[in-house]
Amino acid sequence: MAGACPGYPGWRIEWYESDLRQGLELIDKSGRKTDLHLSEVVAHGAFNNLLGAPVEWRGPSTKAPDTLIVRMGVDQEEEGRPQISRLAVVRLSPTPCIIGVVEPSSAQNAKARAIADGTKRDCLTE
């Protein structure tokens, strides 16, 4: 299963699902695709899903975002426990990658926005 939607001008988003895990690819205006590896970096291999809410594009200019925030539901290790909601903060250039993962808390959105609006960090890996 897969789908696509337009993003900010110059960006497209494609989502896909495989083995009860979902992911995102970002496509820039030149057509270059970058898989964000959400299942590995955010969910650490657990079953997951993108939680229907739109991504949040952020940056110093509303016409040129430099980061985005996406919400992901992640299954917990113990069977029967509800999913938790993590936020992934994605740097858009030079190559899109996840620069922060914010765990559930009452200040989760504010923490993700602080990462997005702050000094851009190095890419996270698995």
N, C-alpha and C. Protein backbone atom coordinates (compact mmCIF):
# COMPACT_ATOMS: atom_id res chain seq x y z
N MET A 1 0.84 -1.16 0.00
CA MET A 1 0.00 0.00 0.00
C MET A 1 0.89 1.23 0.00
N ALA A 2 0.51 2.24 -0.77
CA ALA A 2 1.30 3.46 -0.85
C ALA A 2 0.39 4.63 -1.25
N GLY A 3 0.88 5.82 -1.09
CA GLY A 3 0.15 7.01 -1.48
C GLY A 3 1.08 8.19 -1.57
N ALA A 4 0.59 9.29 -2.10
CA ALA A 4 1.40 10.49 -2.26
C ALA A 4 0.55 11.72 -2.02
N CYS A 5 1.22 12.79 -1.63
CA CYS A 5 0.53 14.07 -1.48
C CYS A 5 1.53 15.19 -1.72
N PRO A 6 1.05 16.35 -2.15
CA PRO A 6 1.97 17.47 -2.32
C PRO A 6 2.38 18.00 -0.96
N GLY A 7 3.55 18.56 -0.90
CA GLY A 7 4.01 19.22 0.31
C GLY A 7 4.10 20.70 0.04
N TYR A 8 5.04 21.36 0.64
CA TYR A 8 5.29 22.75 0.30
C TYR A 8 5.75 22.80 -1.15
N PRO A 9 5.62 23.95 -1.80
CA PRO A 9 6.12 24.04 -3.18
C PRO A 9 7.57 23.54 -3.26
N GLY A 10 7.79 22.65 -4.19
CA GLY A 10 9.13 22.08 -4.35
C GLY A 10 9.30 20.76 -3.63
N TRP A 11 8.31 20.31 -2.87
CA TRP A 11 8.39 19.05 -2.13
C TRP A 11 7.14 18.21 -2.36
N ARG A 12 7.34 16.89 -2.42
CA ARG A 12 6.24 15.93 -2.41
C ARG A 12 6.52 14.91 -1.33
N ILE A 13 5.47 14.31 -0.81
CA ILE A 13 5.61 13.29 0.22
C ILE A 13 4.96 12.01 -0.30
N GLU A 14 5.67 10.91 -0.18
CA GLU A 14 5.11 9.60 -0.50
C GLU A 14 5.17 8.76 0.77
N TRP A 15 4.09 8.06 1.06
CA TRP A 15 4.08 7.15 2.21
C TRP A 15 3.89 5.74 1.69
N TYR A 16 4.38 4.78 2.46
CA TYR A 16 4.26 3.38 2.07
C TYR A 16 4.05 2.53 3.32
N GLU A 17 3.56 1.32 3.09
CA GLU A 17 3.36 0.38 4.19
C GLU A 17 3.87 -0.98 3.78
N SER A 18 4.56 -1.63 4.71
CA SER A 18 5.07 -2.98 4.49
C SER A 18 5.16 -3.68 5.84
N ASP A 19 4.58 -4.85 5.95
CA ASP A 19 4.66 -5.64 7.17
C ASP A 19 4.23 -4.87 8.42
N LEU A 20 3.09 -4.18 8.32
CA LEU A 20 2.52 -3.40 9.43
C LEU A 20 3.44 -2.28 9.92
N ARG A 21 4.26 -1.77 9.02
CA ARG A 21 5.13 -0.64 9.31
C ARG A 21 4.97 0.37 8.20
N GLN A 22 4.90 1.65 8.56
CA GLN A 22 4.74 2.69 7.55
C GLN A 22 5.98 3.57 7.51
N GLY A 23 6.17 4.19 6.37
CA GLY A 23 7.33 5.07 6.21
C GLY A 23 7.01 6.21 5.27
N LEU A 24 7.94 7.16 5.21
CA LEU A 24 7.81 8.32 4.34
C LEU A 24 9.05 8.50 3.49
N GLU A 25 8.82 8.93 2.27
CA GLU A 25 9.89 9.39 1.40
C GLU A 25 9.58 10.82 1.03
N LEU A 26 10.60 11.65 1.02
CA LEU A 26 10.46 13.04 0.58
C LEU A 26 11.07 13.15 -0.81
N ILE A 27 10.39 13.86 -1.70
CA ILE A 27 10.88 14.06 -3.06
C ILE A 27 11.05 15.56 -3.26
N ASP A 28 12.29 15.97 -3.57
CA ASP A 28 12.54 17.40 -3.76
C ASP A 28 12.18 17.81 -5.19
N LYS A 29 12.34 19.10 -5.49
CA LYS A 29 11.91 19.62 -6.78
C LYS A 29 12.69 19.03 -7.96
N SER A 30 13.87 18.48 -7.70
CA SER A 30 14.63 17.85 -8.78
C SER A 30 14.22 16.39 -8.99
N GLY A 31 13.33 15.88 -8.12
CA GLY A 31 12.88 14.50 -8.23
C GLY A 31 13.66 13.52 -7.37
N ARG A 32 14.64 14.00 -6.61
CA ARG A 32 15.44 13.13 -5.75
C ARG A 32 14.59 12.64 -4.58
N LYS A 33 14.53 11.31 -4.40
CA LYS A 33 13.78 10.70 -3.31
C LYS A 33 14.70 10.38 -2.15
N THR A 34 14.22 10.63 -0.95
CA THR A 34 14.95 10.28 0.26
C THR A 34 14.00 9.57 1.22
N ASP A 35 14.31 8.32 1.55
CA ASP A 35 13.54 7.57 2.54
C ASP A 35 14.00 8.02 3.92
N LEU A 36 13.04 8.36 4.78
CA LEU A 36 13.39 8.84 6.12
C LEU A 36 13.69 7.73 7.11
N HIS A 37 13.41 6.48 6.76
CA HIS A 37 13.67 5.33 7.63
C HIS A 37 12.99 5.49 9.00
N LEU A 38 11.73 5.92 8.97
CA LEU A 38 10.98 6.12 10.21
C LEU A 38 10.89 4.86 11.06
N SER A 39 10.66 3.71 10.40
CA SER A 39 10.51 2.47 11.17
C SER A 39 11.76 2.13 11.96
N GLU A 40 12.91 2.42 11.39
CA GLU A 40 14.16 2.11 12.08
C GLU A 40 14.51 3.16 13.14
N VAL A 41 14.48 4.43 12.74
CA VAL A 41 14.98 5.51 13.61
C VAL A 41 13.96 5.89 14.69
N VAL A 42 12.68 5.94 14.34
CA VAL A 42 11.66 6.39 15.30
C VAL A 42 11.04 5.21 16.05
N ALA A 43 10.71 4.14 15.32
CA ALA A 43 10.00 3.01 15.94
C ALA A 43 10.93 1.88 16.35
N HIS A 44 12.21 1.96 15.99
CA HIS A 44 13.19 0.92 16.33
C HIS A 44 12.70 -0.47 15.93
N GLY A 45 12.05 -0.55 14.76
CA GLY A 45 11.60 -1.83 14.22
C GLY A 45 10.22 -2.28 14.68
N ALA A 46 9.63 -1.60 15.66
CA ALA A 46 8.30 -1.99 16.15
C ALA A 46 7.25 -1.69 15.09
N PHE A 47 6.11 -2.37 15.19
CA PHE A 47 4.99 -2.04 14.32
C PHE A 47 4.64 -0.58 14.56
N ASN A 48 4.23 0.12 13.49
CA ASN A 48 3.97 1.54 13.62
C ASN A 48 2.99 2.01 12.56
N ASN A 49 2.53 3.22 12.72
CA ASN A 49 1.72 3.85 11.69
C ASN A 49 1.85 5.36 11.79
N LEU A 50 1.64 5.99 10.66
CA LEU A 50 1.62 7.45 10.62
C LEU A 50 0.24 7.87 11.07
N LEU A 51 0.17 8.73 12.02
CA LEU A 51 -1.09 9.04 12.68
C LEU A 51 -1.89 10.13 11.97
N GLY A 52 -2.24 9.94 10.76
CA GLY A 52 -3.18 10.77 10.04
C GLY A 52 -3.05 12.28 10.13
N ALA A 53 -2.47 12.80 11.18
CA ALA A 53 -2.34 14.25 11.30
C ALA A 53 -1.36 14.76 10.25
N PRO A 54 -1.58 15.95 9.73
CA PRO A 54 -0.66 16.46 8.71
C PRO A 54 0.72 16.71 9.30
N VAL A 55 1.71 16.71 8.42
CA VAL A 55 3.05 17.09 8.87
C VAL A 55 3.06 18.59 9.10
N GLU A 56 3.98 19.04 9.91
CA GLU A 56 4.12 20.48 10.19
C GLU A 56 5.42 20.95 9.57
N TRP A 57 5.31 21.82 8.58
CA TRP A 57 6.48 22.40 7.91
C TRP A 57 6.92 23.61 8.72
N ARG A 58 8.23 23.72 8.99
CA ARG A 58 8.74 24.81 9.82
C ARG A 58 9.95 25.44 9.15
N GLY A 59 10.19 26.69 9.48
CA GLY A 59 11.37 27.38 8.99
C GLY A 59 11.28 28.87 9.23
N PRO A 60 12.37 29.57 8.95
CA PRO A 60 12.40 31.01 9.19
C PRO A 60 11.47 31.77 8.24
N SER A 61 11.12 31.14 7.11
CA SER A 61 10.24 31.76 6.13
C SER A 61 9.11 30.80 5.80
N THR A 62 7.89 31.31 5.71
CA THR A 62 6.77 30.45 5.37
C THR A 62 6.87 29.96 3.92
N LYS A 63 7.71 30.60 3.12
CA LYS A 63 7.88 30.19 1.73
C LYS A 63 9.02 29.20 1.54
N ALA A 64 9.85 29.04 2.54
CA ALA A 64 11.01 28.15 2.40
C ALA A 64 11.25 27.39 3.70
N PRO A 65 10.44 26.38 4.00
CA PRO A 65 10.67 25.62 5.24
C PRO A 65 12.00 24.87 5.18
N ASP A 66 12.61 24.67 6.36
CA ASP A 66 13.86 23.91 6.40
C ASP A 66 13.74 22.65 7.26
N THR A 67 12.58 22.46 7.89
CA THR A 67 12.34 21.25 8.69
C THR A 67 10.86 20.89 8.60
N LEU A 68 10.57 19.66 9.00
CA LEU A 68 9.18 19.26 9.17
C LEU A 68 9.09 18.35 10.37
N ILE A 69 7.87 18.26 10.90
CA ILE A 69 7.59 17.40 12.05
C ILE A 69 6.48 16.45 11.65
N VAL A 70 6.68 15.17 11.94
CA VAL A 70 5.67 14.16 11.61
C VAL A 70 5.39 13.30 12.84
N ARG A 71 4.12 12.98 13.05
CA ARG A 71 3.71 12.18 14.21
C ARG A 71 3.58 10.72 13.80
N MET A 72 4.07 9.84 14.66
CA MET A 72 4.05 8.41 14.38
C MET A 72 3.58 7.64 15.60
N GLY A 73 2.65 6.70 15.38
CA GLY A 73 2.21 5.80 16.44
C GLY A 73 3.11 4.58 16.45
N VAL A 74 3.58 4.19 17.61
CA VAL A 74 4.53 3.08 17.73
C VAL A 74 4.00 2.08 18.76
N ASP A 75 3.93 0.81 18.35
CA ASP A 75 3.51 -0.24 19.29
C ASP A 75 4.55 -0.39 20.38
N GLN A 76 4.07 -0.68 21.58
CA GLN A 76 4.97 -0.94 22.69
C GLN A 76 5.31 -2.43 22.72
N GLU A 77 6.41 -2.77 23.37
CA GLU A 77 6.89 -4.15 23.39
C GLU A 77 5.89 -5.10 24.05
N GLU A 78 5.25 -4.65 25.09
CA GLU A 78 4.32 -5.51 25.82
C GLU A 78 2.98 -5.57 25.09
N GLU A 79 2.60 -6.76 24.70
CA GLU A 79 1.36 -6.95 23.94
C GLU A 79 0.16 -6.43 24.71
N GLY A 80 -0.75 -5.79 23.99
CA GLY A 80 -1.97 -5.29 24.60
C GLY A 80 -1.88 -3.87 25.12
N ARG A 81 -0.68 -3.31 25.19
CA ARG A 81 -0.54 -1.92 25.63
C ARG A 81 -0.80 -0.99 24.45
N PRO A 82 -1.37 0.17 24.69
CA PRO A 82 -1.68 1.08 23.59
C PRO A 82 -0.41 1.63 22.93
N GLN A 83 -0.56 2.06 21.68
CA GLN A 83 0.56 2.69 21.00
C GLN A 83 0.96 3.97 21.72
N ILE A 84 2.22 4.35 21.54
CA ILE A 84 2.66 5.65 22.00
C ILE A 84 2.86 6.52 20.76
N SER A 85 2.80 7.81 20.95
CA SER A 85 2.93 8.76 19.86
C SER A 85 4.27 9.47 19.96
N ARG A 86 5.11 9.28 18.95
CA ARG A 86 6.41 9.96 18.90
C ARG A 86 6.40 10.97 17.77
N LEU A 87 7.14 12.06 17.96
CA LEU A 87 7.30 13.06 16.91
C LEU A 87 8.70 12.96 16.35
N ALA A 88 8.79 12.91 15.02
CA ALA A 88 10.08 12.92 14.35
C ALA A 88 10.30 14.30 13.76
N VAL A 89 11.47 14.87 14.01
CA VAL A 89 11.84 16.17 13.47
C VAL A 89 12.82 15.90 12.32
N VAL A 90 12.49 16.41 11.15
CA VAL A 90 13.24 16.11 9.93
C VAL A 90 13.87 17.38 9.36
N ARG A 91 15.18 17.35 9.18
CA ARG A 91 15.92 18.42 8.50
C ARG A 91 15.74 18.20 7.00
N LEU A 92 15.50 19.23 6.23
CA LEU A 92 15.27 19.07 4.79
C LEU A 92 16.53 19.16 3.93
N SER A 93 17.54 19.89 4.38
CA SER A 93 18.73 20.02 3.55
C SER A 93 19.99 19.92 4.40
N PRO A 94 21.10 19.50 3.83
CA PRO A 94 21.29 19.26 2.40
C PRO A 94 20.58 17.99 1.91
N THR A 95 20.47 16.98 2.72
CA THR A 95 19.70 15.78 2.40
C THR A 95 18.74 15.54 3.56
N PRO A 96 17.45 15.31 3.28
CA PRO A 96 16.50 15.10 4.37
C PRO A 96 16.91 13.93 5.27
N CYS A 97 16.74 14.15 6.58
CA CYS A 97 17.02 13.10 7.56
C CYS A 97 16.38 13.48 8.89
N ILE A 98 16.21 12.51 9.75
CA ILE A 98 15.65 12.74 11.08
C ILE A 98 16.74 13.28 12.00
N ILE A 99 16.45 14.41 12.65
CA ILE A 99 17.43 15.01 13.57
C ILE A 99 16.96 14.97 15.01
N GLY A 100 15.74 14.52 15.24
CA GLY A 100 15.24 14.43 16.61
C GLY A 100 14.01 13.56 16.69
N VAL A 101 13.88 12.85 17.81
CA VAL A 101 12.68 12.06 18.10
C VAL A 101 12.23 12.48 19.49
N VAL A 102 10.96 12.89 19.59
CA VAL A 102 10.44 13.40 20.86
C VAL A 102 9.43 12.41 21.40
N GLU A 103 9.70 11.94 22.62
CA GLU A 103 8.84 10.98 23.29
C GLU A 103 7.58 11.67 23.81
N PRO A 104 6.54 10.90 24.11
CA PRO A 104 5.30 11.49 24.62
C PRO A 104 5.53 12.27 25.91
N SER A 105 4.92 13.43 26.00
CA SER A 105 4.92 14.26 27.21
C SER A 105 3.92 15.38 27.01
N SER A 106 3.65 16.11 28.07
CA SER A 106 2.71 17.23 27.94
C SER A 106 3.29 18.36 27.10
N ALA A 107 4.60 18.40 26.96
CA ALA A 107 5.26 19.45 26.17
C ALA A 107 5.84 18.90 24.87
N GLN A 108 5.32 17.77 24.41
CA GLN A 108 5.89 17.10 23.23
C GLN A 108 5.96 18.02 22.00
N ASN A 109 4.86 18.70 21.67
CA ASN A 109 4.86 19.57 20.50
C ASN A 109 5.88 20.70 20.64
N ALA A 110 5.94 21.32 21.81
CA ALA A 110 6.87 22.42 22.03
C ALA A 110 8.32 21.94 21.92
N LYS A 111 8.61 20.75 22.43
CA LYS A 111 9.97 20.20 22.34
C LYS A 111 10.35 19.95 20.89
N ALA A 112 9.43 19.39 20.11
CA ALA A 112 9.71 19.13 18.70
C ALA A 112 9.94 20.44 17.94
N ARG A 113 9.13 21.44 18.23
CA ARG A 113 9.29 22.73 17.56
C ARG A 113 10.61 23.40 17.94
N ALA A 114 11.04 23.25 19.18
CA ALA A 114 12.32 23.81 19.61
C ALA A 114 13.47 23.16 18.85
N ILE A 115 13.40 21.85 18.64
CA ILE A 115 14.43 21.17 17.85
C ILE A 115 14.39 21.68 16.41
N ALA A 116 13.19 21.75 15.84
CA ALA A 116 13.03 22.19 14.45
C ALA A 116 13.53 23.62 14.24
N ASP A 117 13.29 24.48 15.20
CA ASP A 117 13.63 25.89 15.05
C ASP A 117 15.04 26.22 15.52
N GLY A 118 15.71 25.28 16.18
CA GLY A 118 17.04 25.51 16.71
C GLY A 118 18.14 25.23 15.69
N THR A 119 19.36 25.19 16.19
CA THR A 119 20.50 24.86 15.35
C THR A 119 20.32 23.45 14.82
N LYS A 120 20.50 23.29 13.53
CA LYS A 120 20.25 21.98 12.91
C LYS A 120 21.29 20.96 13.38
N ARG A 121 20.80 19.83 13.82
CA ARG A 121 21.62 18.76 14.38
C ARG A 121 22.06 17.79 13.28
N ASP A 122 22.94 16.87 13.68
CA ASP A 122 23.34 15.79 12.78
C ASP A 122 22.19 14.78 12.65
N CYS A 123 22.23 14.01 11.58
CA CYS A 123 21.22 13.00 11.33
C CYS A 123 21.32 11.87 12.36
N LEU A 124 20.15 11.39 12.81
CA LEU A 124 20.12 10.22 13.69
C LEU A 124 20.18 8.96 12.82
N THR A 125 20.70 7.91 13.39
CA THR A 125 20.72 6.63 12.69
C THR A 125 19.97 5.62 13.54
N GLU A 126 19.83 4.43 13.04
CA GLU A 126 19.13 3.38 13.77
C GLU A 126 19.64 3.32 15.17
